[in-house]
Amino acid sequence: MTQYQTEAQFSQAVIEFARANGWLVYHTWRSDHSEAGFPDLTLVRDGELRFAELKRDGKHVTQAQAEWLGALAGAKIKVAVWRPSDWPAIERVLGR
């Protein structure tokens, strides 16, 4: 197994491998203004959706990362395209 000096090198290798194998990959380049804990990668291929948090060997996920991963692992995935004209539907979906 190849050793990576940084998490960024490891991340780039995973992204390149995934794309070479037909996955559509999303990776937030800078997460400093994003919600804490969201997984590093969102991957989609042939109707399959995966989330992956990338860590170097010996490193552990944070509490926020564990919370996101747990919630996503049990989620039933739904998608939407919302526009301002969809506000009533947005309220139905997101309201209590």
C-alpha atoms as a PDB file:
ATOM      1  CA  MET A   1       0.000   0.000   0.000  1.00  0.00           C
ATOM      2  CA  THR A   2       1.272   3.442  -0.910  1.00  0.00           C
ATOM      3  CA  GLN A   3       2.043   5.840   1.916  1.00  0.00           C
ATOM      4  CA  TYR A   4       0.845   9.402   1.495  1.00  0.00           C
ATOM      5  CA  GLN A   5       2.632  12.272   3.181  1.00  0.00           C
ATOM      6  CA  THR A   6      -0.512  14.376   3.514  1.00  0.00           C
ATOM      7  CA  GLU A   7      -4.260  13.918   3.584  1.00  0.00           C
ATOM      8  CA  ALA A   8      -4.416  16.140   0.488  1.00  0.00           C
ATOM      9  CA  GLN A   9      -2.236  13.673  -1.457  1.00  0.00           C
ATOM     10  CA  PHE A  10      -4.394  10.781  -0.306  1.00  0.00           C
ATOM     11  CA  SER A  11      -7.549  12.696  -1.209  1.00  0.00           C
ATOM     12  CA  GLN A  12      -6.261  13.480  -4.706  1.00  0.00           C
ATOM     13  CA  ALA A  13      -5.388   9.820  -5.288  1.00  0.00           C
ATOM     14  CA  VAL A  14      -8.875   8.683  -4.216  1.00  0.00           C
ATOM     15  CA  ILE A  15     -10.545  11.325  -6.404  1.00  0.00           C
ATOM     16  CA  GLU A  16      -8.459  10.392  -9.452  1.00  0.00           C
ATOM     17  CA  PHE A  17      -9.148   6.675  -8.937  1.00  0.00           C
ATOM     18  CA  ALA A  18     -12.884   7.256  -8.495  1.00  0.00           C
ATOM     19  CA  ARG A  19     -13.136   9.411 -11.622  1.00  0.00           C
ATOM     20  CA  ALA A  20     -11.106   6.897 -13.637  1.00  0.00           C
ATOM     21  CA  ASN A  21     -13.691   4.313 -12.597  1.00  0.00           C
ATOM     22  CA  GLY A  22     -16.727   6.301 -13.682  1.00  0.00           C
ATOM     23  CA  TRP A  23     -17.693   8.058 -10.439  1.00  0.00           C
ATOM     24  CA  LEU A  24     -18.926  11.644 -10.429  1.00  0.00           C
ATOM     25  CA  VAL A  25     -17.028  13.197  -7.514  1.00  0.00           C
ATOM     26  CA  TYR A  26     -17.675  16.301  -5.450  1.00  0.00           C
ATOM     27  CA  HIS A  27     -15.035  17.539  -3.032  1.00  0.00           C
ATOM     28  CA  THR A  28     -15.263  20.872  -1.243  1.00  0.00           C
ATOM     29  CA  TRP A  29     -11.932  22.556  -1.901  1.00  0.00           C
ATOM     30  CA  ARG A  30     -12.088  24.882   1.096  1.00  0.00           C
ATOM     31  CA  SER A  31     -14.459  23.986   3.873  1.00  0.00           C
ATOM     32  CA  ASP A  32     -13.680  26.852   6.242  1.00  0.00           C
ATOM     33  CA  HIS A  33     -17.076  28.456   5.538  1.00  0.00           C
ATOM     34  CA  SER A  34     -19.009  25.178   5.428  1.00  0.00           C
ATOM     35  CA  GLU A  35     -20.866  23.211   8.087  1.00  0.00           C
ATOM     36  CA  ALA A  36     -18.422  21.329  10.302  1.00  0.00           C
ATOM     37  CA  GLY A  37     -18.177  17.597   9.815  1.00  0.00           C
ATOM     38  CA  PHE A  38     -19.628  17.108   6.322  1.00  0.00           C
ATOM     39  CA  PRO A  39     -17.769  14.240   4.593  1.00  0.00           C
ATOM     40  CA  ASP A  40     -14.871  15.003   2.274  1.00  0.00           C
ATOM     41  CA  LEU A  41     -16.285  13.271  -0.789  1.00  0.00           C
ATOM     42  CA  THR A  42     -19.684  12.823  -2.374  1.00  0.00           C
ATOM     43  CA  LEU A  43     -19.606  10.181  -5.095  1.00  0.00           C
ATOM     44  CA  VAL A  44     -22.302   9.045  -7.553  1.00  0.00           C
ATOM     45  CA  ARG A  45     -22.208   6.250 -10.130  1.00  0.00           C
ATOM     46  CA  ASP A  46     -24.954   4.162 -11.727  1.00  0.00           C
ATOM     47  CA  GLY A  47     -27.601   5.231  -9.209  1.00  0.00           C
ATOM     48  CA  GLU A  48     -25.357   4.658  -6.198  1.00  0.00           C
ATOM     49  CA  LEU A  49     -24.617   7.530  -3.820  1.00  0.00           C
ATOM     50  CA  ARG A  50     -21.699   7.341  -1.403  1.00  0.00           C
ATOM     51  CA  PHE A  51     -20.140   9.711   1.091  1.00  0.00           C
ATOM     52  CA  ALA A  52     -16.570   9.260   2.300  1.00  0.00           C
ATOM     53  CA  GLU A  53     -14.513  10.943   4.976  1.00  0.00           C
ATOM     54  CA  LEU A  54     -10.797  10.648   4.286  1.00  0.00           C
ATOM     55  CA  LYS A  55      -8.273  10.349   7.094  1.00  0.00           C
ATOM     56  CA  ARG A  56      -4.593   9.489   7.276  1.00  0.00           C
ATOM     57  CA  ASP A  57      -3.720   6.304   9.126  1.00  0.00           C
ATOM     58  CA  GLY A  58      -3.939   6.774  12.872  1.00  0.00           C
ATOM     59  CA  LYS A  59      -6.242   9.802  12.673  1.00  0.00           C
ATOM     60  CA  HIS A  60      -9.817   9.713  13.949  1.00  0.00           C
ATOM     61  CA  VAL A  61     -13.023  11.415  12.854  1.00  0.00           C
ATOM     62  CA  THR A  62     -14.243  14.380  14.860  1.00  0.00           C
ATOM     63  CA  GLN A  63     -17.525  14.316  16.767  1.00  0.00           C
ATOM     64  CA  ALA A  64     -19.128  16.451  14.025  1.00  0.00           C
ATOM     65  CA  GLN A  65     -17.860  14.061  11.334  1.00  0.00           C
ATOM     66  CA  ALA A  66     -19.173  11.051  13.238  1.00  0.00           C
ATOM     67  CA  GLU A  67     -22.563  12.757  13.553  1.00  0.00           C
ATOM     68  CA  TRP A  68     -22.768  13.484   9.813  1.00  0.00           C
ATOM     69  CA  LEU A  69     -21.594  10.000   8.839  1.00  0.00           C
ATOM     70  CA  GLY A  70     -24.115   8.381  11.163  1.00  0.00           C
ATOM     71  CA  ALA A  71     -26.969  10.497   9.841  1.00  0.00           C
ATOM     72  CA  LEU A  72     -26.027   9.878   6.207  1.00  0.00           C
ATOM     73  CA  ALA A  73     -25.586   6.137   6.719  1.00  0.00           C
ATOM     74  CA  GLY A  74     -29.245   5.806   7.660  1.00  0.00           C
ATOM     75  CA  ALA A  75     -30.680   8.383   5.285  1.00  0.00           C
ATOM     76  CA  LYS A  76     -33.193   7.786   2.559  1.00  0.00           C
ATOM     77  CA  ILE A  77     -31.846  10.060  -0.150  1.00  0.00           C
ATOM     78  CA  LYS A  78     -34.188  12.507  -1.840  1.00  0.00           C
ATOM     79  CA  VAL A  79     -33.249  15.156  -4.360  1.00  0.00           C
ATOM     80  CA  ALA A  80     -34.878  18.382  -5.454  1.00  0.00           C
ATOM     81  CA  VAL A  81     -34.487  21.389  -7.697  1.00  0.00           C
ATOM     82  CA  TRP A  82     -36.041  24.380  -5.972  1.00  0.00           C
ATOM     83  CA  ARG A  83     -36.811  27.790  -7.386  1.00  0.00           C
ATOM     84  CA  PRO A  84     -38.470  30.771  -5.712  1.00  0.00           C
ATOM     85  CA  SER A  85     -41.765  29.767  -7.341  1.00  0.00           C
ATOM     86  CA  ASP A  86     -41.521  26.454  -5.461  1.00  0.00           C
ATOM     87  CA  TRP A  87     -41.759  28.133  -2.058  1.00  0.00           C
ATOM     88  CA  PRO A  88     -45.038  26.366  -1.093  1.00  0.00           C
ATOM     89  CA  ALA A  89     -43.430  22.990  -1.840  1.00  0.00           C
ATOM     90  CA  ILE A  90     -40.301  23.999   0.056  1.00  0.00           C
ATOM     91  CA  GLU A  91     -42.428  24.860   3.074  1.00  0.00           C
ATOM     92  CA  ARG A  92     -44.235  21.491   2.844  1.00  0.00           C
ATOM     93  CA  VAL A  93     -40.978  19.547   2.610  1.00  0.00           C
ATOM     94  CA  LEU A  94     -38.964  21.494   5.156  1.00  0.00           C
ATOM     95  CA  GLY A  95     -41.713  22.570   7.543  1.00  0.00           C
ATOM     96  CA  ARG A  96     -42.782  20.728  10.659  1.00  0.00           C
END
